[in-house]
Structure formats: C-alpha cells, structure tokens
Amino acid sequence: MWHKYNEGLTIGLEGSEGGIILKDDESTDGARITLESIAKGGPPFVITCGIYGMMFTTVFHDLESDANSDFKNIKALINLFFSGEMSEEEWHDMFWDIY
C-alpha cells in the first residue's frame, strides 16, 4: 500500500536531485518514489525511486505528462515485485530492461 511520504510534508521542498518535490510516495512494503521539477539545467522532471536495501534509480523526463505516467508505471512495477509473482532476478531483469 502506498501513502504520502512523511505525511506529504516533503511536497514543495527541495529533493535529492535539487528540484522541487511534486510527488513523494512510500510503500508500506519498503520502497519510495519521488517526482521533482528541476528549474535549472538538464531535463525538467526527474523521478527517483528505490526498494530499500535492494535498488535505487533515477529517471529523467522532458515532459511532465511522461514523468507522471512513469511515476504510476514504476509504482506498479514495484507492486509486482512485492507481490512475489516473479523471482527477484526476473523482476530485476524486467525493470532494468524498461528503465
């Protein structure tokens, strides 16, 4: 189950990539995903996500619509991992093929 990280208090603050946090969700199973808007150089939107103790990645987007779409898709992929429907290796291969 996903909920707002830190009760949503991080929204509007500076994120790990130096942008303003637009979305910041955490899974009760042990994952976090953040969407930031970057005002200075580089792609204007960045998603950081990780499964605690296992993986962490950053995804960059030029369009907010693409960033929002990937935000939802990455959460769904993380849910798939936690469901146990595939091995960690199978999930890892699939995730990295996409991102």
PDB file of N, CA and C in Angstrom:
ATOM      1  N   MET A   1       0.837  -1.174   0.000  1.00  0.00           N
ATOM      2  CA  MET A   1       0.000   0.000   0.000  1.00  0.00           C
ATOM      3  C   MET A   1       0.889   1.247   0.000  1.00  0.00           C
ATOM      4  N   TRP A   2       0.520   2.189  -0.805  1.00  0.00           N
ATOM      5  CA  TRP A   2       1.274   3.433  -0.931  1.00  0.00           C
ATOM      6  C   TRP A   2       0.608   4.543  -0.121  1.00  0.00           C
ATOM      7  N   HIS A   3       1.441   5.409   0.441  1.00  0.00           N
ATOM      8  CA  HIS A   3       0.964   6.585   1.161  1.00  0.00           C
ATOM      9  C   HIS A   3       1.945   7.736   0.920  1.00  0.00           C
ATOM     10  N   LYS A   4       1.521   8.940   1.254  1.00  0.00           N
ATOM     11  CA  LYS A   4       2.397  10.102   1.114  1.00  0.00           C
ATOM     12  C   LYS A   4       3.556   9.960   2.096  1.00  0.00           C
ATOM     13  N   TYR A   5       4.779  10.110   1.599  1.00  0.00           N
ATOM     14  CA  TYR A   5       5.957  10.042   2.449  1.00  0.00           C
ATOM     15  C   TYR A   5       5.906  11.182   3.460  1.00  0.00           C
ATOM     16  N   ASN A   6       6.210  10.871   4.706  1.00  0.00           N
ATOM     17  CA  ASN A   6       6.252  11.867   5.786  1.00  0.00           C
ATOM     18  C   ASN A   6       4.974  12.718   5.803  1.00  0.00           C
ATOM     19  N   GLU A   7       3.842  12.041   5.579  1.00  0.00           N
ATOM     20  CA  GLU A   7       2.525  12.683   5.592  1.00  0.00           C
ATOM     21  C   GLU A   7       2.409  13.841   4.599  1.00  0.00           C
ATOM     22  N   GLY A   8       3.204  13.800   3.544  1.00  0.00           N
ATOM     23  CA  GLY A   8       3.149  14.817   2.498  1.00  0.00           C
ATOM     24  C   GLY A   8       3.917  16.092   2.810  1.00  0.00           C
ATOM     25  N   LEU A   9       4.626  16.108   3.919  1.00  0.00           N
ATOM     26  CA  LEU A   9       5.341  17.323   4.331  1.00  0.00           C
ATOM     27  C   LEU A   9       6.540  17.652   3.445  1.00  0.00           C
ATOM     28  N   THR A  10       6.969  16.703   2.612  1.00  0.00           N
ATOM     29  CA  THR A  10       8.110  16.958   1.720  1.00  0.00           C
ATOM     30  C   THR A  10       7.692  17.656   0.422  1.00  0.00           C
ATOM     31  N   ILE A  11       6.401  17.662   0.103  1.00  0.00           N
ATOM     32  CA  ILE A  11       5.921  18.297  -1.122  1.00  0.00           C
ATOM     33  C   ILE A  11       6.275  19.787  -1.065  1.00  0.00           C
ATOM     34  N   GLY A  12       6.895  20.268  -2.134  1.00  0.00           N
ATOM     35  CA  GLY A  12       7.294  21.665  -2.205  1.00  0.00           C
ATOM     36  C   GLY A  12       8.698  21.941  -1.694  1.00  0.00           C
ATOM     37  N   LEU A  13       9.317  20.944  -1.063  1.00  0.00           N
ATOM     38  CA  LEU A  13      10.685  21.095  -0.576  1.00  0.00           C
ATOM     39  C   LEU A  13      11.672  20.684  -1.660  1.00  0.00           C
ATOM     40  N   GLU A  14      12.949  20.954  -1.424  1.00  0.00           N
ATOM     41  CA  GLU A  14      13.982  20.534  -2.357  1.00  0.00           C
ATOM     42  C   GLU A  14      14.228  19.039  -2.211  1.00  0.00           C
ATOM     43  N   GLY A  15      14.300  18.349  -3.358  1.00  0.00           N
ATOM     44  CA  GLY A  15      14.532  16.917  -3.358  1.00  0.00           C
ATOM     45  C   GLY A  15      15.995  16.565  -3.529  1.00  0.00           C
ATOM     46  N   SER A  16      16.275  15.303  -3.600  1.00  0.00           N
ATOM     47  CA  SER A  16      17.652  14.810  -3.694  1.00  0.00           C
ATOM     48  C   SER A  16      18.353  15.233  -4.978  1.00  0.00           C
ATOM     49  N   GLU A  17      17.582  15.552  -6.021  1.00  0.00           N
ATOM     50  CA  GLU A  17      18.167  15.979  -7.294  1.00  0.00           C
ATOM     51  C   GLU A  17      18.203  17.493  -7.432  1.00  0.00           C
ATOM     52  N   GLY A  18      17.845  18.209  -6.368  1.00  0.00           N
ATOM     53  CA  GLY A  18      17.911  19.661  -6.378  1.00  0.00           C
ATOM     54  C   GLY A  18      16.676  20.351  -6.924  1.00  0.00           C
ATOM     55  N   GLY A  19      15.638  19.585  -7.233  1.00  0.00           N
ATOM     56  CA  GLY A  19      14.391  20.167  -7.732  1.00  0.00           C
ATOM     57  C   GLY A  19      13.354  20.287  -6.624  1.00  0.00           C
ATOM     58  N   ILE A  20      12.187  20.769  -6.992  1.00  0.00           N
ATOM     59  CA  ILE A  20      11.076  20.893  -6.062  1.00  0.00           C
ATOM     60  C   ILE A  20      10.246  19.613  -6.126  1.00  0.00           C
ATOM     61  N   ILE A  21       9.993  19.015  -4.975  1.00  0.00           N
ATOM     62  CA  ILE A  21       9.237  17.762  -4.914  1.00  0.00           C
ATOM     63  C   ILE A  21       7.768  18.023  -5.244  1.00  0.00           C
ATOM     64  N   LEU A  22       7.277  17.303  -6.266  1.00  0.00           N
ATOM     65  CA  LEU A  22       5.878  17.377  -6.673  1.00  0.00           C
ATOM     66  C   LEU A  22       5.061  16.230  -6.100  1.00  0.00           C
ATOM     67  N   LYS A  23       5.679  15.044  -6.061  1.00  0.00           N
ATOM     68  CA  LYS A  23       5.045  13.839  -5.519  1.00  0.00           C
ATOM     69  C   LYS A  23       6.094  13.076  -4.739  1.00  0.00           C
ATOM     70  N   ASP A  24       5.678  12.462  -3.642  1.00  0.00           N
ATOM     71  CA  ASP A  24       6.625  11.711  -2.815  1.00  0.00           C
ATOM     72  C   ASP A  24       5.850  10.631  -2.070  1.00  0.00           C
ATOM     73  N   ASP A  25       5.922   9.415  -2.573  1.00  0.00           N
ATOM     74  CA  ASP A  25       5.147   8.305  -2.021  1.00  0.00           C
ATOM     75  C   ASP A  25       6.055   7.215  -1.475  1.00  0.00           C
ATOM     76  N   GLU A  26       5.544   6.514  -0.477  1.00  0.00           N
ATOM     77  CA  GLU A  26       6.277   5.414   0.138  1.00  0.00           C
ATOM     78  C   GLU A  26       5.356   4.208   0.252  1.00  0.00           C
ATOM     79  N   SER A  27       5.914   3.042  -0.020  1.00  0.00           N
ATOM     80  CA  SER A  27       5.180   1.785   0.112  1.00  0.00           C
ATOM     81  C   SER A  27       5.396   1.223   1.510  1.00  0.00           C
ATOM     82  N   THR A  28       4.349   0.699   2.085  1.00  0.00           N
ATOM     83  CA  THR A  28       4.482   0.054   3.392  1.00  0.00           C
ATOM     84  C   THR A  28       5.344  -1.203   3.305  1.00  0.00           C
ATOM     85  N   ASP A  29       5.577  -1.684   2.079  1.00  0.00           N
ATOM     86  CA  ASP A  29       6.424  -2.863   1.885  1.00  0.00           C
ATOM     87  C   ASP A  29       7.909  -2.519   1.846  1.00  0.00           C
ATOM     88  N   GLY A  30       8.236  -1.221   1.710  1.00  0.00           N
ATOM     89  CA  GLY A  30       9.641  -0.821   1.759  1.00  0.00           C
ATOM     90  C   GLY A  30      10.196  -0.238   0.482  1.00  0.00           C
ATOM     91  N   ALA A  31       9.535   0.772  -0.062  1.00  0.00           N
ATOM     92  CA  ALA A  31      10.018   1.445  -1.258  1.00  0.00           C
ATOM     93  C   ALA A  31       9.585   2.907  -1.205  1.00  0.00           C
ATOM     94  N   ARG A  32      10.264   3.725  -1.983  1.00  0.00           N
ATOM     95  CA  ARG A  32       9.924   5.146  -2.068  1.00  0.00           C
ATOM     96  C   ARG A  32      10.123   5.622  -3.495  1.00  0.00           C
ATOM     97  N   ILE A  33       9.244   6.534  -3.933  1.00  0.00           N
ATOM     98  CA  ILE A  33       9.344   7.130  -5.257  1.00  0.00           C
ATOM     99  C   ILE A  33       9.016   8.612  -5.143  1.00  0.00           C
ATOM    100  N   THR A  34       9.843   9.426  -5.802  1.00  0.00           N
ATOM    101  CA  THR A  34       9.710  10.880  -5.726  1.00  0.00           C
ATOM    102  C   THR A  34       9.767  11.471  -7.129  1.00  0.00           C
ATOM    103  N   LEU A  35       8.906  12.449  -7.387  1.00  0.00           N
ATOM    104  CA  LEU A  35       8.919  13.198  -8.638  1.00  0.00           C
ATOM    105  C   LEU A  35       9.291  14.641  -8.315  1.00  0.00           C
ATOM    106  N   GLU A  36      10.312  15.142  -9.011  1.00  0.00           N
ATOM    107  CA  GLU A  36      10.764  16.512  -8.807  1.00  0.00           C
ATOM    108  C   GLU A  36      10.686  17.300 -10.108  1.00  0.00           C
ATOM    109  N   SER A  37      10.485  18.599  -9.954  1.00  0.00           N
ATOM    110  CA  SER A  37      10.560  19.541 -11.057  1.00  0.00           C
ATOM    111  C   SER A  37      11.873  20.303 -10.911  1.00  0.00           C
ATOM    112  N   ILE A  38      12.697  20.236 -11.948  1.00  0.00           N
ATOM    113  CA  ILE A  38      14.009  20.862 -11.910  1.00  0.00           C
ATOM    114  C   ILE A  38      13.945  22.198 -12.663  1.00  0.00           C
ATOM    115  N   ALA A  39      14.276  23.291 -11.993  1.00  0.00           N
ATOM    116  CA  ALA A  39      14.199  24.616 -12.607  1.00  0.00           C
ATOM    117  C   ALA A  39      15.467  24.977 -13.375  1.00  0.00           C
ATOM    118  N   LYS A  40      16.592  24.424 -12.972  1.00  0.00           N
ATOM    119  CA  LYS A  40      17.855  24.772 -13.619  1.00  0.00           C
ATOM    120  C   LYS A  40      18.329  23.628 -14.508  1.00  0.00           C
ATOM    121  N   GLY A  41      19.189  23.873 -15.447  1.00  0.00           N
ATOM    122  CA  GLY A  41      19.750  22.938 -16.414  1.00  0.00           C
ATOM    123  C   GLY A  41      19.354  21.480 -16.318  1.00  0.00           C
ATOM    124  N   GLY A  42      19.373  20.819 -17.435  1.00  0.00           N
ATOM    125  CA  GLY A  42      19.049  19.405 -17.502  1.00  0.00           C
ATOM    126  C   GLY A  42      17.576  19.172 -17.750  1.00  0.00           C
ATOM    127  N   PRO A  43      17.170  17.902 -17.807  1.00  0.00           N
ATOM    128  CA  PRO A  43      15.759  17.582 -18.017  1.00  0.00           C
ATOM    129  C   PRO A  43      14.908  18.190 -16.887  1.00  0.00           C
ATOM    130  N   PRO A  44      13.727  18.712 -17.228  1.00  0.00           N
ATOM    131  CA  PRO A  44      12.931  19.423 -16.228  1.00  0.00           C
ATOM    132  C   PRO A  44      12.228  18.555 -15.188  1.00  0.00           C
ATOM    133  N   PHE A  45      12.136  17.248 -15.427  1.00  0.00           N
ATOM    134  CA  PHE A  45      11.459  16.375 -14.459  1.00  0.00           C
ATOM    135  C   PHE A  45      12.319  15.144 -14.185  1.00  0.00           C
ATOM    136  N   VAL A  46      12.365  14.758 -12.927  1.00  0.00           N
ATOM    137  CA  VAL A  46      13.172  13.601 -12.536  1.00  0.00           C
ATOM    138  C   VAL A  46      12.400  12.772 -11.513  1.00  0.00           C
ATOM    139  N   ILE A  47      12.485  11.467 -11.708  1.00  0.00           N
ATOM    140  CA  ILE A  47      11.898  10.510 -10.767  1.00  0.00           C
ATOM    141  C   ILE A  47      13.053   9.771 -10.106  1.00  0.00           C
ATOM    142  N   THR A  48      13.043   9.710  -8.790  1.00  0.00           N
ATOM    143  CA  THR A  48      13.972   8.843  -8.076  1.00  0.00           C
ATOM    144  C   THR A  48      13.131   7.790  -7.384  1.00  0.00           C
ATOM    145  N   CYS A  49      13.616   6.560  -7.430  1.00  0.00           N
ATOM    146  CA  CYS A  49      12.867   5.501  -6.764  1.00  0.00           C
ATOM    147  C   CYS A  49      13.825   4.437  -6.251  1.00  0.00           C
ATOM    148  N   GLY A  50      13.384   3.756  -5.244  1.00  0.00           N
ATOM    149  CA  GLY A  50      14.200   2.686  -4.701  1.00  0.00           C
ATOM    150  C   GLY A  50      13.388   1.714  -3.879  1.00  0.00           C
ATOM    151  N   ILE A  51      13.869   0.502  -3.853  1.00  0.00           N
ATOM    152  CA  ILE A  51      13.372  -0.515  -2.929  1.00  0.00           C
ATOM    153  C   ILE A  51      14.442  -0.611  -1.859  1.00  0.00           C
ATOM    154  N   TYR A  52      14.059  -0.326  -0.635  1.00  0.00           N
ATOM    155  CA  TYR A  52      15.022  -0.216   0.453  1.00  0.00           C
ATOM    156  C   TYR A  52      15.931  -1.446   0.546  1.00  0.00           C
ATOM    157  N   GLY A  53      17.227  -1.182   0.557  1.00  0.00           N
ATOM    158  CA  GLY A  53      18.223  -2.228   0.695  1.00  0.00           C
ATOM    159  C   GLY A  53      18.477  -3.049  -0.552  1.00  0.00           C
ATOM    160  N   MET A  54      17.826  -2.682  -1.687  1.00  0.00           N
ATOM    161  CA  MET A  54      17.977  -3.509  -2.877  1.00  0.00           C
ATOM    162  C   MET A  54      18.399  -2.730  -4.117  1.00  0.00           C
ATOM    163  N   MET A  55      17.663  -1.655  -4.452  1.00  0.00           N
ATOM    164  CA  MET A  55      17.965  -0.927  -5.681  1.00  0.00           C
ATOM    165  C   MET A  55      17.551   0.522  -5.551  1.00  0.00           C
ATOM    166  N   PHE A  56      18.171   1.347  -6.395  1.00  0.00           N
ATOM    167  CA  PHE A  56      17.844   2.760  -6.482  1.00  0.00           C
ATOM    168  C   PHE A  56      18.135   3.212  -7.908  1.00  0.00           C
ATOM    169  N   THR A  57      17.246   4.014  -8.469  1.00  0.00           N
ATOM    170  CA  THR A  57      17.487   4.528  -9.813  1.00  0.00           C
ATOM    171  C   THR A  57      16.881   5.909  -9.983  1.00  0.00           C
ATOM    172  N   THR A  58      17.319   6.586 -11.005  1.00  0.00           N
ATOM    173  CA  THR A  58      16.818   7.914 -11.344  1.00  0.00           C
ATOM    174  C   THR A  58      16.423   7.904 -12.821  1.00  0.00           C
ATOM    175  N   VAL A  59      15.244   8.464 -13.115  1.00  0.00           N
ATOM    176  CA  VAL A  59      14.718   8.509 -14.473  1.00  0.00           C
ATOM    177  C   VAL A  59      14.424   9.973 -14.813  1.00  0.00           C
ATOM    178  N   PHE A  60      14.890  10.432 -15.966  1.00  0.00           N
ATOM    179  CA  PHE A  60      14.727  11.824 -16.369  1.00  0.00           C
ATOM    180  C   PHE A  60      13.702  11.947 -17.487  1.00  0.00           C
ATOM    181  N   HIS A  61      12.943  13.053 -17.467  1.00  0.00           N
ATOM    182  CA  HIS A  61      11.920  13.306 -18.496  1.00  0.00           C
ATOM    183  C   HIS A  61      11.902  14.765 -18.900  1.00  0.00           C
ATOM    184  N   ASP A  62      11.610  14.994 -20.167  1.00  0.00           N
ATOM    185  CA  ASP A  62      11.432  16.354 -20.662  1.00  0.00           C
ATOM    186  C   ASP A  62       9.993  16.835 -20.484  1.00  0.00           C
ATOM    187  N   LEU A  63       9.029  15.902 -20.474  1.00  0.00           N
ATOM    188  CA  LEU A  63       7.617  16.265 -20.379  1.00  0.00           C
ATOM    189  C   LEU A  63       7.014  15.802 -19.054  1.00  0.00           C
ATOM    190  N   GLU A  64       6.227  16.685 -18.452  1.00  0.00           N
ATOM    191  CA  GLU A  64       5.581  16.341 -17.186  1.00  0.00           C
ATOM    192  C   GLU A  64       4.614  15.171 -17.357  1.00  0.00           C
ATOM    193  N   SER A  65       3.927  15.112 -18.494  1.00  0.00           N
ATOM    194  CA  SER A  65       2.978  14.013 -18.721  1.00  0.00           C
ATOM    195  C   SER A  65       3.705  12.668 -18.743  1.00  0.00           C
ATOM    196  N   ASP A  66       4.877  12.610 -19.356  1.00  0.00           N
ATOM    197  CA  ASP A  66       5.663  11.371 -19.369  1.00  0.00           C
ATOM    198  C   ASP A  66       6.150  11.026 -17.966  1.00  0.00           C
ATOM    199  N   ALA A  67       6.562  12.036 -17.223  1.00  0.00           N
ATOM    200  CA  ALA A  67       7.032  11.802 -15.854  1.00  0.00           C
ATOM    201  C   ALA A  67       5.904  11.261 -14.977  1.00  0.00           C
ATOM    202  N   ASN A  68       4.721  11.833 -15.104  1.00  0.00           N
ATOM    203  CA  ASN A  68       3.581  11.351 -14.319  1.00  0.00           C
ATOM    204  C   ASN A  68       3.195   9.932 -14.704  1.00  0.00           C
ATOM    205  N   SER A  69       3.261   9.631 -15.992  1.00  0.00           N
ATOM    206  CA  SER A  69       2.958   8.279 -16.465  1.00  0.00           C
ATOM    207  C   SER A  69       3.962   7.275 -15.908  1.00  0.00           C
ATOM    208  N   ASP A  70       5.244   7.604 -15.988  1.00  0.00           N
ATOM    209  CA  ASP A  70       6.266   6.702 -15.455  1.00  0.00           C
ATOM    210  C   ASP A  70       6.181   6.573 -13.936  1.00  0.00           C
ATOM    211  N   PHE A  71       5.810   7.634 -13.261  1.00  0.00           N
ATOM    212  CA  PHE A  71       5.631   7.575 -11.808  1.00  0.00           C
ATOM    213  C   PHE A  71       4.636   6.464 -11.458  1.00  0.00           C
ATOM    214  N   LYS A  72       3.504   6.442 -12.167  1.00  0.00           N
ATOM    215  CA  LYS A  72       2.486   5.399 -11.945  1.00  0.00           C
ATOM    216  C   LYS A  72       2.998   4.020 -12.356  1.00  0.00           C
ATOM    217  N   ASN A  73       3.678   3.952 -13.512  1.00  0.00           N
ATOM    218  CA  ASN A  73       4.179   2.672 -14.006  1.00  0.00           C
ATOM    219  C   ASN A  73       5.237   2.069 -13.085  1.00  0.00           C
ATOM    220  N   ILE A  74       6.127   2.896 -12.576  1.00  0.00           N
ATOM    221  CA  ILE A  74       7.166   2.399 -11.674  1.00  0.00           C
ATOM    222  C   ILE A  74       6.543   1.886 -10.386  1.00  0.00           C
ATOM    223  N   LYS A  75       5.548   2.596  -9.867  1.00  0.00           N
ATOM    224  CA  LYS A  75       4.855   2.109  -8.664  1.00  0.00           C
ATOM    225  C   LYS A  75       4.224   0.738  -8.928  1.00  0.00           C
ATOM    226  N   ALA A  76       3.625   0.572 -10.104  1.00  0.00           N
ATOM    227  CA  ALA A  76       3.015  -0.715 -10.455  1.00  0.00           C
ATOM    228  C   ALA A  76       4.065  -1.816 -10.536  1.00  0.00           C
ATOM    229  N   LEU A  77       5.230  -1.501 -11.107  1.00  0.00           N
ATOM    230  CA  LEU A  77       6.306  -2.493 -11.185  1.00  0.00           C
ATOM    231  C   LEU A  77       6.829  -2.855  -9.796  1.00  0.00           C
ATOM    232  N   ILE A  78       6.929  -1.870  -8.924  1.00  0.00           N
ATOM    233  CA  ILE A  78       7.364  -2.152  -7.547  1.00  0.00           C
ATOM    234  C   ILE A  78       6.324  -3.013  -6.844  1.00  0.00           C
ATOM    235  N   ASN A  79       5.042  -2.736  -7.076  1.00  0.00           N
ATOM    236  CA  ASN A  79       3.989  -3.579  -6.502  1.00  0.00           C
ATOM    237  C   ASN A  79       4.120  -5.023  -6.987  1.00  0.00           C
ATOM    238  N   LEU A  80       4.442  -5.180  -8.266  1.00  0.00           N
ATOM    239  CA  LEU A  80       4.641  -6.515  -8.839  1.00  0.00           C
ATOM    240  C   LEU A  80       5.779  -7.233  -8.115  1.00  0.00           C
ATOM    241  N   PHE A  81       6.851  -6.514  -7.840  1.00  0.00           N
ATOM    242  CA  PHE A  81       7.966  -7.111  -7.100  1.00  0.00           C
ATOM    243  C   PHE A  81       7.510  -7.601  -5.737  1.00  0.00           C
ATOM    244  N   PHE A  82       6.805  -6.758  -5.008  1.00  0.00           N
ATOM    245  CA  PHE A  82       6.376  -7.126  -3.664  1.00  0.00           C
ATOM    246  C   PHE A  82       5.313  -8.223  -3.656  1.00  0.00           C
ATOM    247  N   SER A  83       4.615  -8.411  -4.780  1.00  0.00           N
ATOM    248  CA  SER A  83       3.586  -9.454  -4.839  1.00  0.00           C
ATOM    249  C   SER A  83       4.186 -10.855  -4.825  1.00  0.00           C
ATOM    250  N   GLY A  84       5.472 -10.958  -5.200  1.00  0.00           N
ATOM    251  CA  GLY A  84       6.127 -12.263  -5.224  1.00  0.00           C
ATOM    252  C   GLY A  84       5.769 -13.109  -6.430  1.00  0.00           C
ATOM    253  N   GLU A  85       5.153 -12.493  -7.451  1.00  0.00           N
ATOM    254  CA  GLU A  85       4.729 -13.228  -8.637  1.00  0.00           C
ATOM    255  C   GLU A  85       5.878 -13.656  -9.531  1.00  0.00           C
ATOM    256  N   MET A  86       7.057 -13.079  -9.300  1.00  0.00           N
ATOM    257  CA  MET A  86       8.229 -13.475 -10.065  1.00  0.00           C
ATOM    258  C   MET A  86       9.433 -13.418  -9.138  1.00  0.00           C
ATOM    259  N   SER A  87      10.480 -14.088  -9.543  1.00  0.00           N
ATOM    260  CA  SER A  87      11.689 -14.080  -8.726  1.00  0.00           C
ATOM    261  C   SER A  87      12.308 -12.693  -8.739  1.00  0.00           C
ATOM    262  N   GLU A  88      13.180 -12.439  -7.776  1.00  0.00           N
ATOM    263  CA  GLU A  88      13.876 -11.154  -7.728  1.00  0.00           C
ATOM    264  C   GLU A  88      14.691 -10.941  -8.994  1.00  0.00           C
ATOM    265  N   GLU A  89      15.323 -12.000  -9.474  1.00  0.00           N
ATOM    266  CA  GLU A  89      16.130 -11.897 -10.691  1.00  0.00           C
ATOM    267  C   GLU A  89      15.266 -11.572 -11.910  1.00  0.00           C
ATOM    268  N   GLU A  90      14.121 -12.255 -12.052  1.00  0.00           N
ATOM    269  CA  GLU A  90      13.216 -11.977 -13.173  1.00  0.00           C
ATOM    270  C   GLU A  90      12.723 -10.531 -13.126  1.00  0.00           C
ATOM    271  N   TRP A  91      12.343 -10.091 -11.939  1.00  0.00           N
ATOM    272  CA  TRP A  91      11.843  -8.727 -11.790  1.00  0.00           C
ATOM    273  C   TRP A  91      12.946  -7.726 -12.122  1.00  0.00           C
ATOM    274  N   HIS A  92      14.128  -7.977 -11.600  1.00  0.00           N
ATOM    275  CA  HIS A  92      15.263  -7.084 -11.820  1.00  0.00           C
ATOM    276  C   HIS A  92      15.546  -6.945 -13.315  1.00  0.00           C
ATOM    277  N   ASP A  93      15.598  -8.064 -14.030  1.00  0.00           N
ATOM    278  CA  ASP A  93      15.855  -8.042 -15.471  1.00  0.00           C
ATOM    279  C   ASP A  93      14.779  -7.243 -16.205  1.00  0.00           C
ATOM    280  N   MET A  94      13.505  -7.463 -15.843  1.00  0.00           N
ATOM    281  CA  MET A  94      12.410  -6.767 -16.490  1.00  0.00           C
ATOM    282  C   MET A  94      12.489  -5.260 -16.207  1.00  0.00           C
ATOM    283  N   PHE A  95      12.702  -4.884 -14.958  1.00  0.00           N
ATOM    284  CA  PHE A  95      12.748  -3.476 -14.586  1.00  0.00           C
ATOM    285  C   PHE A  95      13.866  -2.753 -15.328  1.00  0.00           C
ATOM    286  N   TRP A  96      15.048  -3.340 -15.337  1.00  0.00           N
ATOM    287  CA  TRP A  96      16.186  -2.666 -15.971  1.00  0.00           C
ATOM    288  C   TRP A  96      16.082  -2.671 -17.485  1.00  0.00           C
ATOM    289  N   ASP A  97      15.330  -3.617 -18.062  1.00  0.00           N
ATOM    290  CA  ASP A  97      15.076  -3.562 -19.498  1.00  0.00           C
ATOM    291  C   ASP A  97      14.206  -2.348 -19.851  1.00  0.00           C
ATOM    292  N   ILE A  98      13.314  -1.974 -18.937  1.00  0.00           N
ATOM    293  CA  ILE A  98      12.420  -0.842 -19.174  1.00  0.00           C
ATOM    294  C   ILE A  98      13.112   0.473 -18.820  1.00  0.00           C
ATOM    295  N   TYR A  99      13.810   0.491 -17.684  1.00  0.00           N
ATOM    296  CA  TYR A  99      14.424   1.734 -17.204  1.00  0.00           C
ATOM    297  C   TYR A  99      15.916   1.623 -17.177  1.00  0.00           C
TER     298      TYR A  99
END
